[in-house]
């Protein structure tokens, strides 16, 4: 799941080298943390949060196959 988010986010951003995607796993929950520079945050979130919502939807759908719950968080560097 981390690879999917990494692929999507790096293709959206102009400065892909400065974007980090980290996966923190717990028992049933996993958190995917996207850390990006301020100049790239807007591209990742999208207008009215549409891209961020789409990323969360894809991650939720993938998580339902494995029975895990994923939370996607976007942070600024």
C-alpha atoms as a PDB file:
ATOM      1  CA  UNK A   1       0.000   0.000   0.000  1.00  0.00           C
ATOM      2  CA  UNK A   2       2.895   2.306   0.755  1.00  0.00           C
ATOM      3  CA  UNK A   3       4.258   1.755  -2.757  1.00  0.00           C
ATOM      4  CA  UNK A   4       0.930   2.757  -4.307  1.00  0.00           C
ATOM      5  CA  UNK A   5       0.784   6.008  -2.343  1.00  0.00           C
ATOM      6  CA  UNK A   6       4.468   6.698  -3.095  1.00  0.00           C
ATOM      7  CA  UNK A   7       3.814   6.215  -6.826  1.00  0.00           C
ATOM      8  CA  UNK A   8       0.774   8.504  -6.870  1.00  0.00           C
ATOM      9  CA  UNK A   9       2.328  11.280  -4.805  1.00  0.00           C
ATOM     10  CA  UNK A  10       5.668  11.376  -6.610  1.00  0.00           C
ATOM     11  CA  UNK A  11       3.943  11.593  -9.986  1.00  0.00           C
ATOM     12  CA  UNK A  12       1.792  14.495  -8.811  1.00  0.00           C
ATOM     13  CA  UNK A  13       4.649  16.569  -7.426  1.00  0.00           C
ATOM     14  CA  UNK A  14       7.354  18.491  -9.243  1.00  0.00           C
ATOM     15  CA  UNK A  15       9.923  17.936  -6.482  1.00  0.00           C
ATOM     16  CA  UNK A  16       9.514  14.184  -5.947  1.00  0.00           C
ATOM     17  CA  UNK A  17      12.872  13.741  -4.186  1.00  0.00           C
ATOM     18  CA  UNK A  18      11.739  15.731  -1.150  1.00  0.00           C
ATOM     19  CA  UNK A  19       8.568  13.726  -0.553  1.00  0.00           C
ATOM     20  CA  UNK A  20       8.614  10.940   2.025  1.00  0.00           C
ATOM     21  CA  UNK A  21       5.962   8.254   2.478  1.00  0.00           C
ATOM     22  CA  UNK A  22       6.206   6.304   5.724  1.00  0.00           C
ATOM     23  CA  UNK A  23       4.133   3.342   6.884  1.00  0.00           C
ATOM     24  CA  UNK A  24       3.545   2.780  10.594  1.00  0.00           C
ATOM     25  CA  UNK A  25       1.825  -0.531  11.337  1.00  0.00           C
ATOM     26  CA  UNK A  26      -0.106  -1.513  14.442  1.00  0.00           C
ATOM     27  CA  UNK A  27      -2.270  -4.578  15.072  1.00  0.00           C
ATOM     28  CA  UNK A  28      -5.316  -3.698  12.962  1.00  0.00           C
ATOM     29  CA  UNK A  29      -4.528  -0.115  12.012  1.00  0.00           C
ATOM     30  CA  UNK A  30      -1.791   1.250   9.819  1.00  0.00           C
ATOM     31  CA  UNK A  31      -0.920   4.878   9.211  1.00  0.00           C
ATOM     32  CA  UNK A  32       0.562   6.163   5.978  1.00  0.00           C
ATOM     33  CA  UNK A  33       2.290   9.493   6.576  1.00  0.00           C
ATOM     34  CA  UNK A  34       3.069  11.683   3.575  1.00  0.00           C
ATOM     35  CA  UNK A  35       5.626  14.386   4.347  1.00  0.00           C
ATOM     36  CA  UNK A  36       6.210  17.010   1.680  1.00  0.00           C
ATOM     37  CA  UNK A  37       7.537  20.564   1.331  1.00  0.00           C
ATOM     38  CA  UNK A  38       5.036  23.403   1.601  1.00  0.00           C
ATOM     39  CA  UNK A  39       5.249  24.055  -2.141  1.00  0.00           C
ATOM     40  CA  UNK A  40       4.058  20.504  -2.913  1.00  0.00           C
ATOM     41  CA  UNK A  41       1.297  20.140  -0.309  1.00  0.00           C
ATOM     42  CA  UNK A  42      -1.282  21.879  -2.495  1.00  0.00           C
ATOM     43  CA  UNK A  43      -0.633  19.504  -5.381  1.00  0.00           C
ATOM     44  CA  UNK A  44      -1.038  16.476  -3.127  1.00  0.00           C
ATOM     45  CA  UNK A  45      -4.231  17.739  -1.493  1.00  0.00           C
ATOM     46  CA  UNK A  46      -5.757  19.118  -4.697  1.00  0.00           C
ATOM     47  CA  UNK A  47      -8.616  21.553  -5.157  1.00  0.00           C
ATOM     48  CA  UNK A  48     -11.066  21.203  -2.280  1.00  0.00           C
ATOM     49  CA  UNK A  49      -9.136  18.108  -1.133  1.00  0.00           C
ATOM     50  CA  UNK A  50     -10.225  15.975  -4.069  1.00  0.00           C
ATOM     51  CA  UNK A  51      -6.859  14.304  -4.688  1.00  0.00           C
ATOM     52  CA  UNK A  52      -6.329  13.596  -0.985  1.00  0.00           C
ATOM     53  CA  UNK A  53      -9.824  12.105  -0.813  1.00  0.00           C
ATOM     54  CA  UNK A  54      -9.112   9.940  -3.869  1.00  0.00           C
ATOM     55  CA  UNK A  55      -5.861   8.682  -2.316  1.00  0.00           C
ATOM     56  CA  UNK A  56      -7.711   7.847   0.911  1.00  0.00           C
ATOM     57  CA  UNK A  57     -10.420   6.025  -1.064  1.00  0.00           C
ATOM     58  CA  UNK A  58      -7.863   3.901  -2.927  1.00  0.00           C
ATOM     59  CA  UNK A  59      -6.047   3.064   0.297  1.00  0.00           C
ATOM     60  CA  UNK A  60      -9.322   2.166   2.022  1.00  0.00           C
ATOM     61  CA  UNK A  61     -10.305  -0.127  -0.854  1.00  0.00           C
ATOM     62  CA  UNK A  62      -6.913  -1.840  -0.797  1.00  0.00           C
ATOM     63  CA  UNK A  63      -7.097  -2.208   2.962  1.00  0.00           C
ATOM     64  CA  UNK A  64     -10.476  -3.896   2.816  1.00  0.00           C
ATOM     65  CA  UNK A  65      -8.902  -6.727   0.811  1.00  0.00           C
ATOM     66  CA  UNK A  66      -6.332  -7.397   3.516  1.00  0.00           C
ATOM     67  CA  UNK A  67      -8.622  -6.624   6.444  1.00  0.00           C
ATOM     68  CA  UNK A  68      -6.502  -3.696   7.635  1.00  0.00           C
ATOM     69  CA  UNK A  69      -7.608  -0.147   8.275  1.00  0.00           C
ATOM     70  CA  UNK A  70      -5.353   2.552   6.865  1.00  0.00           C
ATOM     71  CA  UNK A  71      -5.211   6.206   7.853  1.00  0.00           C
ATOM     72  CA  UNK A  72      -3.533   8.660   5.475  1.00  0.00           C
ATOM     73  CA  UNK A  73      -1.941  11.758   7.004  1.00  0.00           C
ATOM     74  CA  UNK A  74      -0.338  14.606   5.049  1.00  0.00           C
ATOM     75  CA  UNK A  75       2.322  16.644   6.872  1.00  0.00           C
ATOM     76  CA  UNK A  76       4.479  19.602   5.904  1.00  0.00           C
ATOM     77  CA  UNK A  77       8.275  19.423   6.118  1.00  0.00           C
END
